Amino acid sequence: MKNESPPPAGRASPLDFAIDRQARTTLASVRRAVERRDAVLAFQPVVQSDCTDRAAFYEGLIRIVDETGRFIPLRDFMPHVETTELGRRIDCLSLSLGLQALIEDPSLRLSVNMSARSIGYQDWMRVLLGTIRQDDRLGERLILEITESSAMTMPQVVGRFMYELQDRGVSFALDDFGAGYTSFRYLRDFCFDMIKIDGQFIREIADHPDNQILTRALQSIARHFDMFTVAEAVETAEEAAWLIETGIDCMQGFYFGAPSITPPRKTPHAAAQR
């Protein structure tokens, strides 16, 4: 068999070139969609363990729509935009869609994802503060989710921001807890209202003793700091049963409902309750 030599140093392979070109094409499509505000929220329910037949709140997950009407997969662009201006604009769009959903449905409680970097972004702060000033009760139904890795980039800034917004009724969730590099000293100072345990610890938890031990440890940390616990990525009845037995506060995942672009108030279940 003929041995193929790798490309010379400094030269990209044809595969690398194709991947890079596809990434540039995707980012350009995302940028145009954001400029047109072509995006929607997909709502995924988060249920309490003692009342799993109805949502305690929903997470609003942004979906960017390209020129053909197709959703652009988040994995194709989010890692590339986290530290960029485009990432901040996506955060602005997600927040404005979430706040509009709260305005349209006074019974809705909603979490929206954000990067810690958006705290210093004027447009994002203007959208947030300008809207909740118009209705003080709006903040009481808003949960801002900050990933563990994002929060650790600027802990002092995040801590001050949380303190100021919690006075306005806004709640905060530490997303993907356990997946990053949390300093427990900062965890004490942050005073998050809830932590969302990363799905890597939840999947197949009923059959994996290691995941059980790690989840119990994360749950114990949350209880010590008086935070609610949310288990992410719950996909089976066995996982849900184990989590309920161990005393998890809330659960989220496909077992309880996939993200849907239909607003909760327009679902058949909601209509039947009216």
Protein backbone atom coordinates (compact mmCIF):
# COMPACT_ATOMS: atom_id res chain seq x y z
CA MET A 1 0.00 0.00 0.00
CA LYS A 2 1.32 3.42 -0.92
CA ASN A 3 2.15 5.63 2.07
CA GLU A 4 0.70 9.11 1.86
CA SER A 5 2.79 11.87 3.39
CA PRO A 6 1.03 14.52 5.48
CA PRO A 7 0.76 18.02 4.03
CA PRO A 8 3.89 20.16 4.52
CA ALA A 9 3.96 22.23 7.70
CA GLY A 10 1.97 25.44 7.32
CA ARG A 11 -0.22 24.05 4.55
CA ALA A 12 -3.81 22.95 5.18
CA SER A 13 -5.08 19.67 3.84
CA PRO A 14 -8.00 19.71 1.36
CA LEU A 15 -10.26 18.46 4.18
CA ASP A 16 -9.14 21.27 6.51
CA PHE A 17 -9.72 23.80 3.74
CA ALA A 18 -13.24 22.46 3.10
CA ILE A 19 -14.11 22.53 6.81
CA ASP A 20 -12.80 26.08 7.16
CA ARG A 21 -14.75 27.23 4.11
CA GLN A 22 -17.94 25.62 5.45
CA ALA A 23 -17.43 27.35 8.81
CA ARG A 24 -17.05 30.74 7.10
CA THR A 25 -20.18 30.09 5.04
CA THR A 26 -22.16 29.12 8.14
CA LEU A 27 -21.02 32.18 10.09
CA ALA A 28 -21.94 34.45 7.19
CA SER A 29 -25.39 32.89 7.09
CA VAL A 30 -25.79 33.33 10.85
CA ARG A 31 -24.70 36.96 10.63
CA ARG A 32 -27.28 37.72 7.92
CA ALA A 33 -30.01 35.95 9.90
CA VAL A 34 -29.22 37.96 13.03
CA GLU A 35 -29.31 41.19 11.04
CA ARG A 36 -32.78 40.21 9.79
CA ARG A 37 -33.76 39.03 13.29
CA ASP A 38 -34.65 35.66 11.77
CA ALA A 39 -34.75 33.63 14.96
CA VAL A 40 -37.27 31.99 17.26
CA LEU A 41 -37.21 30.46 20.72
CA ALA A 42 -37.77 26.77 21.30
CA PHE A 43 -39.35 26.14 24.69
CA GLN A 44 -38.31 23.10 26.74
CA PRO A 45 -40.13 22.33 30.00
CA VAL A 46 -38.39 22.00 33.36
CA VAL A 47 -40.52 20.04 35.81
CA GLN A 48 -40.48 19.73 39.59
CA SER A 49 -39.79 16.22 40.83
CA ASP A 50 -42.94 16.17 42.94
CA CYS A 51 -45.17 17.39 40.09
CA THR A 52 -43.85 16.08 36.78
CA ASP A 53 -47.04 16.51 34.76
CA ARG A 54 -46.62 20.27 34.33
CA ALA A 55 -43.73 22.68 33.86
CA ALA A 56 -42.30 24.73 36.71
CA PHE A 57 -40.65 26.91 34.05
CA TYR A 58 -39.35 26.68 30.50
CA GLU A 59 -35.92 27.18 29.02
CA GLY A 60 -35.96 29.35 25.90
CA LEU A 61 -33.40 28.02 23.42
CA ILE A 62 -32.61 30.25 20.46
CA ARG A 63 -32.94 28.86 16.95
CA ILE A 64 -31.34 30.83 14.10
CA VAL A 65 -33.16 30.53 10.75
CA ASP A 66 -31.27 30.75 7.44
CA GLU A 67 -32.53 32.08 4.09
CA THR A 68 -34.17 28.74 3.24
CA GLY A 69 -36.12 28.57 6.51
CA ARG A 70 -33.81 25.91 7.97
CA PHE A 71 -32.60 26.02 11.56
CA ILE A 72 -28.82 26.38 11.65
CA PRO A 73 -27.48 23.85 14.21
CA LEU A 74 -26.05 25.66 17.23
CA ARG A 75 -23.02 23.36 17.29
CA ASP A 76 -22.04 24.69 13.85
CA PHE A 77 -21.50 28.26 15.04
CA MET A 78 -21.81 28.80 18.80
CA PRO A 79 -18.24 27.71 19.63
CA HIS A 80 -16.96 30.21 17.05
CA VAL A 81 -18.96 33.24 18.22
CA GLU A 82 -18.79 33.02 22.02
CA THR A 83 -16.11 35.73 22.32
CA THR A 84 -17.17 37.84 19.33
CA GLU A 85 -19.48 40.74 18.57
CA LEU A 86 -21.77 38.29 16.77
CA GLY A 87 -22.08 36.30 19.99
CA ARG A 88 -23.22 39.41 21.84
CA ARG A 89 -25.80 40.17 19.17
CA ILE A 90 -27.14 36.63 19.41
CA ASP A 91 -27.45 37.09 23.18
CA CYS A 92 -29.38 40.33 22.55
CA LEU A 93 -31.74 38.59 20.15
CA SER A 94 -32.30 35.66 22.53
CA LEU A 95 -33.01 38.01 25.44
CA SER A 96 -35.42 40.18 23.47
CA LEU A 97 -37.34 37.11 22.26
CA GLY A 98 -37.51 35.79 25.82
CA LEU A 99 -38.74 39.07 27.27
CA GLN A 100 -41.35 39.36 24.53
CA ALA A 101 -42.60 35.86 25.40
CA LEU A 102 -42.90 36.89 29.06
CA ILE A 103 -44.86 40.00 28.08
CA GLU A 104 -47.24 38.00 25.88
CA ASP A 105 -47.86 35.28 28.49
CA PRO A 106 -48.20 36.57 32.08
CA SER A 107 -48.31 32.97 33.38
CA LEU A 108 -44.95 32.04 31.85
CA ARG A 109 -41.69 31.68 33.77
CA LEU A 110 -38.73 31.45 31.42
CA SER A 111 -34.97 30.96 31.51
CA VAL A 112 -32.75 32.53 28.84
CA ASN A 113 -29.11 31.73 28.18
CA MET A 114 -26.47 34.43 28.29
CA SER A 115 -22.71 34.82 28.27
CA ALA A 116 -20.99 36.68 31.09
CA ARG A 117 -19.39 38.77 28.34
CA SER A 118 -22.78 40.31 27.54
CA ILE A 119 -22.88 42.05 30.92
CA GLY A 120 -20.60 44.74 29.51
CA TYR A 121 -22.42 44.94 26.19
CA GLN A 122 -24.52 48.12 26.12
CA ASP A 123 -27.23 46.90 23.76
CA TRP A 124 -27.84 43.76 25.83
CA MET A 125 -28.06 45.71 29.08
CA ARG A 126 -30.35 48.26 27.43
CA VAL A 127 -32.75 45.50 26.33
CA LEU A 128 -32.76 43.91 29.78
CA LEU A 129 -33.04 46.98 32.01
CA GLY A 130 -35.30 48.93 29.66
CA THR A 131 -37.84 46.11 29.57
CA ILE A 132 -37.97 45.14 33.24
CA ARG A 133 -38.23 48.80 34.25
CA GLN A 134 -41.51 48.95 32.36
CA ASP A 135 -42.91 46.10 34.46
CA ASP A 136 -41.34 45.23 37.81
CA ARG A 137 -43.12 41.86 37.85
CA LEU A 138 -41.41 40.78 34.64
CA GLY A 139 -38.10 40.26 36.41
CA GLU A 140 -39.74 37.86 38.85
CA ARG A 141 -40.50 35.49 35.96
CA LEU A 142 -37.08 35.73 34.29
CA ILE A 143 -34.20 33.34 34.93
CA LEU A 144 -30.82 34.08 33.38
CA GLU A 145 -28.65 31.03 32.74
CA ILE A 146 -24.88 31.50 32.74
CA THR A 147 -22.61 28.59 31.87
CA GLU A 148 -20.04 27.59 34.43
CA SER A 149 -17.14 28.26 32.04
CA SER A 150 -18.50 31.70 31.14
CA ALA A 151 -19.06 32.76 34.75
CA MET A 152 -15.47 31.87 35.66
CA THR A 153 -14.04 34.27 33.06
CA MET A 154 -15.06 37.33 35.11
CA PRO A 155 -16.33 36.26 38.53
CA GLN A 156 -16.29 39.72 40.15
CA VAL A 157 -18.31 41.27 37.31
CA VAL A 158 -20.80 38.40 37.34
CA GLY A 159 -21.18 38.60 41.13
CA ARG A 160 -21.98 42.34 41.11
CA PHE A 161 -24.37 41.92 38.19
CA MET A 162 -26.25 39.13 39.94
CA TYR A 163 -26.53 41.10 43.17
CA GLU A 164 -28.05 44.10 41.36
CA LEU A 165 -30.50 42.06 39.26
CA GLN A 166 -31.62 39.79 42.09
CA ASP A 167 -32.84 42.95 43.84
CA ARG A 168 -35.16 43.36 40.84
CA GLY A 169 -36.51 39.83 41.22
CA VAL A 170 -34.42 38.17 38.48
CA SER A 171 -33.19 34.64 39.26
CA PHE A 172 -29.92 33.07 38.11
CA ALA A 173 -29.00 29.53 37.14
CA LEU A 174 -25.48 28.14 36.83
CA ASP A 175 -25.67 26.06 33.66
CA ASP A 176 -23.68 22.88 32.90
CA PHE A 177 -22.57 22.60 36.53
CA GLY A 178 -19.74 20.09 36.91
CA ALA A 179 -18.59 20.33 33.31
CA GLY A 180 -16.14 23.19 33.81
CA TYR A 181 -13.71 24.54 36.36
CA THR A 182 -15.78 26.10 39.12
CA SER A 183 -13.87 27.62 41.98
CA PHE A 184 -15.99 26.77 44.99
CA ARG A 185 -14.92 30.03 46.60
CA TYR A 186 -16.60 31.88 43.76
CA LEU A 187 -19.61 29.57 43.94
CA ARG A 188 -20.08 30.73 47.53
CA ASP A 189 -19.82 34.39 46.51
CA PHE A 190 -22.11 34.12 43.45
CA CYS A 191 -25.31 33.09 45.26
CA PHE A 192 -26.93 31.43 42.26
CA ASP A 193 -30.57 30.54 42.78
CA MET A 194 -30.19 27.17 41.08
CA ILE A 195 -27.60 24.94 39.48
CA LYS A 196 -28.21 22.77 36.43
CA ILE A 197 -26.21 19.56 36.69
CA ASP A 198 -24.53 18.79 33.38
CA GLY A 199 -26.12 16.03 31.34
CA GLN A 200 -22.94 13.96 31.18
CA PHE A 201 -23.58 12.97 34.80
CA ILE A 202 -27.29 12.27 34.28
CA ARG A 203 -27.29 10.02 31.22
CA GLU A 204 -27.81 6.35 32.23
CA ILE A 205 -27.45 7.39 35.87
CA ALA A 206 -29.67 4.53 37.08
CA ASP A 207 -27.01 2.02 35.94
CA HIS A 208 -23.78 3.97 36.53
CA PRO A 209 -22.51 4.12 40.14
CA ASP A 210 -19.85 6.70 39.22
CA ASN A 211 -22.47 9.10 37.86
CA GLN A 212 -24.60 8.50 40.94
CA ILE A 213 -21.77 9.43 43.30
CA LEU A 214 -20.83 12.53 41.30
CA THR A 215 -24.43 13.71 41.03
CA ARG A 216 -24.98 13.24 44.75
CA ALA A 217 -21.82 15.28 45.40
CA LEU A 218 -22.99 18.13 43.17
CA GLN A 219 -26.43 17.96 44.76
CA SER A 220 -24.87 18.18 48.22
CA ILE A 221 -22.89 21.28 47.21
CA ALA A 222 -26.07 22.92 45.92
CA ARG A 223 -27.96 22.17 49.12
CA HIS A 224 -25.13 23.58 51.22
CA PHE A 225 -25.40 26.88 49.35
CA ASP A 226 -29.22 26.79 49.44
CA MET A 227 -29.62 26.39 45.67
CA PHE A 228 -32.24 24.45 43.75
CA THR A 229 -30.94 21.58 41.64
CA VAL A 230 -31.98 20.85 38.04
CA ALA A 231 -30.88 17.62 36.36
CA GLU A 232 -30.31 18.16 32.63
CA ALA A 233 -30.67 15.64 29.80
CA VAL A 234 -33.15 13.29 31.50
CA GLU A 235 -34.18 10.87 28.76
CA THR A 236 -35.63 7.74 30.38
CA ALA A 237 -38.10 6.74 33.07
CA GLU A 238 -35.29 4.94 34.91
CA GLU A 239 -33.18 8.09 35.07
CA ALA A 240 -36.16 10.14 36.26
CA ALA A 241 -37.07 7.58 38.95
CA TRP A 242 -33.52 7.50 40.33
CA LEU A 243 -33.32 11.31 40.43
CA ILE A 244 -36.69 11.61 42.17
CA GLU A 245 -35.61 9.02 44.74
CA THR A 246 -32.38 10.88 45.46
CA GLY A 247 -34.24 14.16 46.02
CA ILE A 248 -33.39 16.25 42.95
CA ASP A 249 -35.56 19.39 42.82
CA CYS A 250 -36.24 19.68 39.08
CA MET A 251 -35.61 17.77 35.86
CA GLN A 252 -35.27 18.71 32.21
CA GLY A 253 -34.86 16.54 29.16
CA PHE A 254 -36.53 14.74 26.28
CA TYR A 255 -38.34 12.40 28.66
CA PHE A 256 -40.45 15.36 29.78
CA GLY A 257 -40.57 17.19 26.47
CA ALA A 258 -38.44 18.19 23.51
CA PRO A 259 -37.87 21.88 22.75
CA SER A 260 -40.83 23.23 20.77
CA ILE A 261 -41.17 26.50 18.89
CA THR A 262 -44.87 26.51 19.83
CA PRO A 263 -45.21 28.90 22.80
CA PRO A 264 -46.47 27.12 25.95
CA ARG A 265 -49.68 29.16 26.02
CA LYS A 266 -50.64 27.78 22.58
CA THR A 267 -50.14 24.08 23.34
CA PRO A 268 -53.19 21.80 23.58
CA HIS A 269 -52.39 21.14 27.26
CA ALA A 270 -52.47 24.86 28.05
CA ALA A 271 -55.66 25.37 26.09
CA ALA A 272 -57.35 22.52 27.98
CA GLN A 273 -56.55 24.18 31.32
CA ARG A 274 -58.24 27.45 30.43
